[in-house]
Amino acid sequence: MSPKTFDIANLSDNLADLLSDIQNHVEVTLTRQGVPWAKVLPLSQTEEQPVIPKAGLNRDSMVMSNDFDDPLPDSFWGL
């Protein structure tokens, strides 16, 4: 399908058409007083969605020593 243009001033009147075009993978350009303002591109069918890591996925992969929060020795500070 060919790209379509919608003026944002009339967007509420054309919202159903806009959403239908997006659902049908039509590239839509939003304009403000005839000047291109934003572009809505359909997602590619083959484009992979980003993987969101799950909490606890790498549980126990990091080890912290028991003295982690102990004060550093004076030798560290050069005293």
PDB file of N, CA and C in Angstrom:
ATOM      1  N   MET A   1       0.834  -1.181   0.000  1.00  0.00           N
ATOM      2  CA  MET A   1       0.000   0.000   0.000  1.00  0.00           C
ATOM      3  C   MET A   1       0.885   1.253   0.000  1.00  0.00           C
ATOM      4  N   SER A   2       0.353   2.312  -0.546  1.00  0.00           N
ATOM      5  CA  SER A   2       1.120   3.551  -0.606  1.00  0.00           C
ATOM      6  C   SER A   2       0.986   4.314   0.711  1.00  0.00           C
ATOM      7  N   PRO A   3       1.995   5.136   1.038  1.00  0.00           N
ATOM      8  CA  PRO A   3       1.952   5.917   2.284  1.00  0.00           C
ATOM      9  C   PRO A   3       0.754   6.866   2.313  1.00  0.00           C
ATOM     10  N   LYS A   4       0.274   7.175   3.514  1.00  0.00           N
ATOM     11  CA  LYS A   4      -0.845   8.096   3.675  1.00  0.00           C
ATOM     12  C   LYS A   4      -0.427   9.247   4.577  1.00  0.00           C
ATOM     13  N   THR A   5      -1.169  10.366   4.480  1.00  0.00           N
ATOM     14  CA  THR A   5      -0.879  11.561   5.270  1.00  0.00           C
ATOM     15  C   THR A   5      -2.129  11.969   6.033  1.00  0.00           C
ATOM     16  N   PHE A   6      -1.937  12.320   7.301  1.00  0.00           N
ATOM     17  CA  PHE A   6      -3.016  12.813   8.147  1.00  0.00           C
ATOM     18  C   PHE A   6      -2.557  14.107   8.799  1.00  0.00           C
ATOM     19  N   ASP A   7      -3.412  15.135   8.791  1.00  0.00           N
ATOM     20  CA  ASP A   7      -3.108  16.381   9.488  1.00  0.00           C
ATOM     21  C   ASP A   7      -3.536  16.228  10.943  1.00  0.00           C
ATOM     22  N   ILE A   8      -2.668  16.584  11.879  1.00  0.00           N
ATOM     23  CA  ILE A   8      -2.972  16.363  13.287  1.00  0.00           C
ATOM     24  C   ILE A   8      -4.147  17.215  13.768  1.00  0.00           C
ATOM     25  N   ALA A   9      -4.456  18.298  13.075  1.00  0.00           N
ATOM     26  CA  ALA A   9      -5.602  19.120  13.465  1.00  0.00           C
ATOM     27  C   ALA A   9      -6.908  18.348  13.286  1.00  0.00           C
ATOM     28  N   ASN A  10      -6.936  17.425  12.336  1.00  0.00           N
ATOM     29  CA  ASN A  10      -8.137  16.634  12.050  1.00  0.00           C
ATOM     30  C   ASN A  10      -8.001  15.192  12.519  1.00  0.00           C
ATOM     31  N   LEU A  11      -7.030  14.950  13.352  1.00  0.00           N
ATOM     32  CA  LEU A  11      -6.722  13.575  13.739  1.00  0.00           C
ATOM     33  C   LEU A  11      -7.879  12.896  14.467  1.00  0.00           C
ATOM     34  N   SER A  12      -8.571  13.612  15.321  1.00  0.00           N
ATOM     35  CA  SER A  12      -9.668  12.981  16.061  1.00  0.00           C
ATOM     36  C   SER A  12     -10.777  12.512  15.124  1.00  0.00           C
ATOM     37  N   ASP A  13     -10.976  13.232  14.025  1.00  0.00           N
ATOM     38  CA  ASP A  13     -11.995  12.826  13.047  1.00  0.00           C
ATOM     39  C   ASP A  13     -11.554  11.618  12.240  1.00  0.00           C
ATOM     40  N   ASN A  14     -10.244  11.417  12.098  1.00  0.00           N
ATOM     41  CA  ASN A  14      -9.704  10.351  11.248  1.00  0.00           C
ATOM     42  C   ASN A  14      -8.997   9.257  12.034  1.00  0.00           C
ATOM     43  N   LEU A  15      -9.199   9.213  13.346  1.00  0.00           N
ATOM     44  CA  LEU A  15      -8.453   8.271  14.172  1.00  0.00           C
ATOM     45  C   LEU A  15      -8.706   6.820  13.761  1.00  0.00           C
ATOM     46  N   ALA A  16      -9.934   6.470  13.477  1.00  0.00           N
ATOM     47  CA  ALA A  16     -10.247   5.095  13.078  1.00  0.00           C
ATOM     48  C   ALA A  16      -9.510   4.722  11.795  1.00  0.00           C
ATOM     49  N   ASP A  17      -9.466   5.639  10.831  1.00  0.00           N
ATOM     50  CA  ASP A  17      -8.753   5.383   9.571  1.00  0.00           C
ATOM     51  C   ASP A  17      -7.252   5.248   9.822  1.00  0.00           C
ATOM     52  N   LEU A  18      -6.719   6.126  10.677  1.00  0.00           N
ATOM     53  CA  LEU A  18      -5.294   6.089  10.992  1.00  0.00           C
ATOM     54  C   LEU A  18      -4.924   4.747  11.612  1.00  0.00           C
ATOM     55  N   LEU A  19      -5.678   4.324  12.612  1.00  0.00           N
ATOM     56  CA  LEU A  19      -5.380   3.052  13.275  1.00  0.00           C
ATOM     57  C   LEU A  19      -5.551   1.873  12.338  1.00  0.00           C
ATOM     58  N   SER A  20      -6.527   1.940  11.463  1.00  0.00           N
ATOM     59  CA  SER A  20      -6.719   0.876  10.481  1.00  0.00           C
ATOM     60  C   SER A  20      -5.526   0.779   9.539  1.00  0.00           C
ATOM     61  N   ASP A  21      -5.043   1.939   9.079  1.00  0.00           N
ATOM     62  CA  ASP A  21      -3.879   1.945   8.188  1.00  0.00           C
ATOM     63  C   ASP A  21      -2.651   1.391   8.895  1.00  0.00           C
ATOM     64  N   ILE A  22      -2.454   1.767  10.155  1.00  0.00           N
ATOM     65  CA  ILE A  22      -1.299   1.257  10.903  1.00  0.00           C
ATOM     66  C   ILE A  22      -1.417  -0.251  11.056  1.00  0.00           C
ATOM     67  N   GLN A  23      -2.616  -0.733  11.375  1.00  0.00           N
ATOM     68  CA  GLN A  23      -2.829  -2.170  11.530  1.00  0.00           C
ATOM     69  C   GLN A  23      -2.555  -2.906  10.219  1.00  0.00           C
ATOM     70  N   ASN A  24      -2.829  -2.251   9.088  1.00  0.00           N
ATOM     71  CA  ASN A  24      -2.595  -2.858   7.770  1.00  0.00           C
ATOM     72  C   ASN A  24      -1.191  -2.584   7.239  1.00  0.00           C
ATOM     73  N   HIS A  25      -0.299  -2.121   8.118  1.00  0.00           N
ATOM     74  CA  HIS A  25       1.116  -1.890   7.784  1.00  0.00           C
ATOM     75  C   HIS A  25       1.311  -0.852   6.692  1.00  0.00           C
ATOM     76  N   VAL A  26       0.552   0.242   6.791  1.00  0.00           N
ATOM     77  CA  VAL A  26       0.697   1.361   5.864  1.00  0.00           C
ATOM     78  C   VAL A  26       1.534   2.430   6.563  1.00  0.00           C
ATOM     79  N   GLU A  27       2.530   2.963   5.847  1.00  0.00           N
ATOM     80  CA  GLU A  27       3.344   4.050   6.388  1.00  0.00           C
ATOM     81  C   GLU A  27       2.510   5.329   6.417  1.00  0.00           C
ATOM     82  N   VAL A  28       2.457   5.976   7.585  1.00  0.00           N
ATOM     83  CA  VAL A  28       1.623   7.165   7.768  1.00  0.00           C
ATOM     84  C   VAL A  28       2.507   8.355   8.151  1.00  0.00           C
ATOM     85  N   THR A  29       2.282   9.499   7.484  1.00  0.00           N
ATOM     86  CA  THR A  29       2.965  10.736   7.838  1.00  0.00           C
ATOM     87  C   THR A  29       1.949  11.669   8.481  1.00  0.00           C
ATOM     88  N   LEU A  30       2.279  12.148   9.676  1.00  0.00           N
ATOM     89  CA  LEU A  30       1.441  13.121  10.359  1.00  0.00           C
ATOM     90  C   LEU A  30       1.973  14.508  10.020  1.00  0.00           C
ATOM     91  N   THR A  31       1.068  15.411   9.676  1.00  0.00           N
ATOM     92  CA  THR A  31       1.485  16.764   9.312  1.00  0.00           C
ATOM     93  C   THR A  31       0.823  17.775  10.241  1.00  0.00           C
ATOM     94  N   ARG A  32       1.461  18.923  10.341  1.00  0.00           N
ATOM     95  CA  ARG A  32       0.903  20.055  11.083  1.00  0.00           C
ATOM     96  C   ARG A  32       0.891  21.224  10.113  1.00  0.00           C
ATOM     97  N   GLN A  33      -0.296  21.658   9.737  1.00  0.00           N
ATOM     98  CA  GLN A  33      -0.479  22.733   8.759  1.00  0.00           C
ATOM     99  C   GLN A  33       0.274  22.436   7.461  1.00  0.00           C
ATOM    100  N   GLY A  34       0.215  21.187   7.030  1.00  0.00           N
ATOM    101  CA  GLY A  34       0.823  20.781   5.772  1.00  0.00           C
ATOM    102  C   GLY A  34       2.299  20.453   5.837  1.00  0.00           C
ATOM    103  N   VAL A  35       2.925  20.677   6.988  1.00  0.00           N
ATOM    104  CA  VAL A  35       4.356  20.406   7.152  1.00  0.00           C
ATOM    105  C   VAL A  35       4.527  19.050   7.850  1.00  0.00           C
ATOM    106  N   PRO A  36       5.324  18.143   7.273  1.00  0.00           N
ATOM    107  CA  PRO A  36       5.527  16.838   7.919  1.00  0.00           C
ATOM    108  C   PRO A  36       6.021  17.018   9.356  1.00  0.00           C
ATOM    109  N   TRP A  37       5.400  16.295  10.279  1.00  0.00           N
ATOM    110  CA  TRP A  37       5.680  16.461  11.696  1.00  0.00           C
ATOM    111  C   TRP A  37       6.178  15.160  12.319  1.00  0.00           C
ATOM    112  N   ALA A  38       5.607  14.031  11.920  1.00  0.00           N
ATOM    113  CA  ALA A  38       6.019  12.734  12.449  1.00  0.00           C
ATOM    114  C   ALA A  38       5.674  11.661  11.433  1.00  0.00           C
ATOM    115  N   LYS A  39       6.392  10.555  11.537  1.00  0.00           N
ATOM    116  CA  LYS A  39       6.129   9.430  10.641  1.00  0.00           C
ATOM    117  C   LYS A  39       5.870   8.201  11.488  1.00  0.00           C
ATOM    118  N   VAL A  40       4.809   7.476  11.163  1.00  0.00           N
ATOM    119  CA  VAL A  40       4.477   6.227  11.836  1.00  0.00           C
ATOM    120  C   VAL A  40       4.765   5.113  10.844  1.00  0.00           C
ATOM    121  N   LEU A  41       5.721   4.267  11.205  1.00  0.00           N
ATOM    122  CA  LEU A  41       6.109   3.178  10.321  1.00  0.00           C
ATOM    123  C   LEU A  41       5.596   1.857  10.872  1.00  0.00           C
ATOM    124  N   PRO A  42       5.073   1.005  10.017  1.00  0.00           N
ATOM    125  CA  PRO A  42       4.641  -0.306  10.495  1.00  0.00           C
ATOM    126  C   PRO A  42       5.855  -1.147  10.879  1.00  0.00           C
ATOM    127  N   LEU A  43       5.683  -1.971  11.903  1.00  0.00           N
ATOM    128  CA  LEU A  43       6.753  -2.878  12.288  1.00  0.00           C
ATOM    129  C   LEU A  43       6.887  -3.959  11.235  1.00  0.00           C
ATOM    130  N   SER A  44       8.093  -4.314  10.935  1.00  0.00           N
ATOM    131  CA  SER A  44       8.352  -5.375   9.983  1.00  0.00           C
ATOM    132  C   SER A  44       7.912  -6.700  10.591  1.00  0.00           C
ATOM    133  N   GLN A  45       7.366  -7.564   9.787  1.00  0.00           N
ATOM    134  CA  GLN A  45       6.931  -8.872  10.275  1.00  0.00           C
ATOM    135  C   GLN A  45       8.115  -9.713  10.730  1.00  0.00           C
ATOM    136  N   THR A  46       9.289  -9.484  10.140  1.00  0.00           N
ATOM    137  CA  THR A  46      10.466 -10.288  10.476  1.00  0.00           C
ATOM    138  C   THR A  46      11.314  -9.629  11.554  1.00  0.00           C
ATOM    139  N   GLU A  47      10.992  -8.390  11.899  1.00  0.00           N
ATOM    140  CA  GLU A  47      11.784  -7.660  12.880  1.00  0.00           C
ATOM    141  C   GLU A  47      11.571  -8.267  14.262  1.00  0.00           C
ATOM    142  N   GLU A  48      12.669  -8.626  14.919  1.00  0.00           N
ATOM    143  CA  GLU A  48      12.564  -9.224  16.246  1.00  0.00           C
ATOM    144  C   GLU A  48      12.375  -8.139  17.288  1.00  0.00           C
ATOM    145  N   GLN A  49      11.524  -8.409  18.248  1.00  0.00           N
ATOM    146  CA  GLN A  49      11.306  -7.491  19.356  1.00  0.00           C
ATOM    147  C   GLN A  49      12.476  -7.625  20.326  1.00  0.00           C
ATOM    148  N   PRO A  50      12.850  -6.539  20.998  1.00  0.00           N
ATOM    149  CA  PRO A  50      13.973  -6.618  21.937  1.00  0.00           C
ATOM    150  C   PRO A  50      13.654  -7.576  23.082  1.00  0.00           C
ATOM    151  N   VAL A  51      14.669  -8.290  23.527  1.00  0.00           N
ATOM    152  CA  VAL A  51      14.502  -9.231  24.622  1.00  0.00           C
ATOM    153  C   VAL A  51      14.678  -8.468  25.929  1.00  0.00           C
ATOM    154  N   ILE A  52      13.684  -8.555  26.783  1.00  0.00           N
ATOM    155  CA  ILE A  52      13.745  -7.898  28.082  1.00  0.00           C
ATOM    156  C   ILE A  52      14.174  -8.944  29.102  1.00  0.00           C
ATOM    157  N   PRO A  53      15.321  -8.716  29.775  1.00  0.00           N
ATOM    158  CA  PRO A  53      15.787  -9.711  30.728  1.00  0.00           C
ATOM    159  C   PRO A  53      14.800  -9.895  31.874  1.00  0.00           C
ATOM    160  N   LYS A  54      14.691 -11.111  32.334  1.00  0.00           N
ATOM    161  CA  LYS A  54      13.804 -11.417  33.449  1.00  0.00           C
ATOM    162  C   LYS A  54      14.590 -11.363  34.748  1.00  0.00           C
ATOM    163  N   ALA A  55      13.950 -10.864  35.784  1.00  0.00           N
ATOM    164  CA  ALA A  55      14.595 -10.784  37.095  1.00  0.00           C
ATOM    165  C   ALA A  55      14.965 -12.184  37.566  1.00  0.00           C
ATOM    166  N   GLY A  56      16.184 -12.315  38.088  1.00  0.00           N
ATOM    167  CA  GLY A  56      16.629 -13.598  38.610  1.00  0.00           C
ATOM    168  C   GLY A  56      17.183 -14.542  37.566  1.00  0.00           C
ATOM    169  N   LEU A  57      17.270 -14.091  36.321  1.00  0.00           N
ATOM    170  CA  LEU A  57      17.733 -14.968  35.251  1.00  0.00           C
ATOM    171  C   LEU A  57      19.168 -15.435  35.484  1.00  0.00           C
ATOM    172  N   ASN A  58      20.021 -14.568  36.007  1.00  0.00           N
ATOM    173  CA  ASN A  58      21.426 -14.915  36.237  1.00  0.00           C
ATOM    174  C   ASN A  58      21.736 -15.030  37.727  1.00  0.00           C
ATOM    175  N   ARG A  59      20.772 -15.519  38.473  1.00  0.00           N
ATOM    176  CA  ARG A  59      20.937 -15.644  39.914  1.00  0.00           C
ATOM    177  C   ARG A  59      22.186 -16.469  40.231  1.00  0.00           C
ATOM    178  N   ASP A  60      22.952 -16.035  41.240  1.00  0.00           N
ATOM    179  CA  ASP A  60      24.179 -16.685  41.708  1.00  0.00           C
ATOM    180  C   ASP A  60      25.330 -16.591  40.711  1.00  0.00           C
ATOM    181  N   SER A  61      25.225 -15.734  39.697  1.00  0.00           N
ATOM    182  CA  SER A  61      26.324 -15.598  38.741  1.00  0.00           C
ATOM    183  C   SER A  61      27.372 -14.597  39.237  1.00  0.00           C
ATOM    184  N   MET A  62      27.059 -13.838  40.281  1.00  0.00           N
ATOM    185  CA  MET A  62      28.002 -12.884  40.842  1.00  0.00           C
ATOM    186  C   MET A  62      28.258 -13.260  42.296  1.00  0.00           C
ATOM    187  N   VAL A  63      29.526 -13.250  42.678  1.00  0.00           N
ATOM    188  CA  VAL A  63      29.887 -13.608  44.034  1.00  0.00           C
ATOM    189  C   VAL A  63      30.541 -12.395  44.686  1.00  0.00           C
ATOM    190  N   MET A  64      30.139 -12.087  45.913  1.00  0.00           N
ATOM    191  CA  MET A  64      30.686 -10.962  46.647  1.00  0.00           C
ATOM    192  C   MET A  64      31.342 -11.514  47.912  1.00  0.00           C
ATOM    193  N   SER A  65      32.553 -11.045  48.195  1.00  0.00           N
ATOM    194  CA  SER A  65      33.253 -11.542  49.377  1.00  0.00           C
ATOM    195  C   SER A  65      32.566 -11.056  50.650  1.00  0.00           C
ATOM    196  N   ASN A  66      32.772 -11.791  51.730  1.00  0.00           N
ATOM    197  CA  ASN A  66      32.126 -11.456  52.998  1.00  0.00           C
ATOM    198  C   ASN A  66      32.625 -10.128  53.573  1.00  0.00           C
ATOM    199  N   ASP A  67      33.848  -9.707  53.207  1.00  0.00           N
ATOM    200  CA  ASP A  67      34.395  -8.463  53.749  1.00  0.00           C
ATOM    201  C   ASP A  67      34.203  -7.279  52.796  1.00  0.00           C
ATOM    202  N   PHE A  68      33.257  -7.372  51.892  1.00  0.00           N
ATOM    203  CA  PHE A  68      33.037  -6.344  50.873  1.00  0.00           C
ATOM    204  C   PHE A  68      32.874  -4.952  51.472  1.00  0.00           C
ATOM    205  N   ASP A  69      32.106  -4.836  52.541  1.00  0.00           N
ATOM    206  CA  ASP A  69      31.838  -3.511  53.090  1.00  0.00           C
ATOM    207  C   ASP A  69      32.697  -3.162  54.307  1.00  0.00           C
ATOM    208  N   ASP A  70      33.759  -3.937  54.528  1.00  0.00           N
ATOM    209  CA  ASP A  70      34.699  -3.602  55.607  1.00  0.00           C
ATOM    210  C   ASP A  70      35.516  -2.375  55.208  1.00  0.00           C
ATOM    211  N   PRO A  71      35.964  -1.600  56.175  1.00  0.00           N
ATOM    212  CA  PRO A  71      36.799  -0.428  55.843  1.00  0.00           C
ATOM    213  C   PRO A  71      38.090  -0.871  55.167  1.00  0.00           C
ATOM    214  N   LEU A  72      38.573  -0.041  54.257  1.00  0.00           N
ATOM    215  CA  LEU A  72      39.837  -0.333  53.578  1.00  0.00           C
ATOM    216  C   LEU A  72      41.008  -0.060  54.521  1.00  0.00           C
ATOM    217  N   PRO A  73      42.093  -0.821  54.363  1.00  0.00           N
ATOM    218  CA  PRO A  73      43.247  -0.607  55.239  1.00  0.00           C
ATOM    219  C   PRO A  73      43.913   0.739  54.927  1.00  0.00           C
ATOM    220  N   ASP A  74      44.640   1.256  55.907  1.00  0.00           N
ATOM    221  CA  ASP A  74      45.340   2.537  55.742  1.00  0.00           C
ATOM    222  C   ASP A  74      46.322   2.492  54.575  1.00  0.00           C
ATOM    223  N   SER A  75      46.883   1.311  54.310  1.00  0.00           N
ATOM    224  CA  SER A  75      47.863   1.180  53.204  1.00  0.00           C
ATOM    225  C   SER A  75      47.201   1.489  51.855  1.00  0.00           C
ATOM    226  N   PHE A  76      45.918   1.229  51.742  1.00  0.00           N
ATOM    227  CA  PHE A  76      45.209   1.540  50.497  1.00  0.00           C
ATOM    228  C   PHE A  76      45.193   3.049  50.253  1.00  0.00           C
ATOM    229  N   TRP A  77      45.019   3.814  51.310  1.00  0.00           N
ATOM    230  CA  TRP A  77      44.916   5.255  51.195  1.00  0.00           C
ATOM    231  C   TRP A  77      46.273   5.938  51.172  1.00  0.00           C
ATOM    232  N   GLY A  78      47.351   5.176  51.288  1.00  0.00           N
ATOM    233  CA  GLY A  78      48.701   5.759  51.260  1.00  0.00           C
ATOM    234  C   GLY A  78      49.036   6.482  52.541  1.00  0.00           C
ATOM    235  N   LEU A  79      48.452   6.080  53.650  1.00  0.00           N
ATOM    236  CA  LEU A  79      48.727   6.743  54.937  1.00  0.00           C
ATOM    237  C   LEU A  79      49.811   6.032  55.684  1.00  0.00           C
TER     238      LEU A  79
END
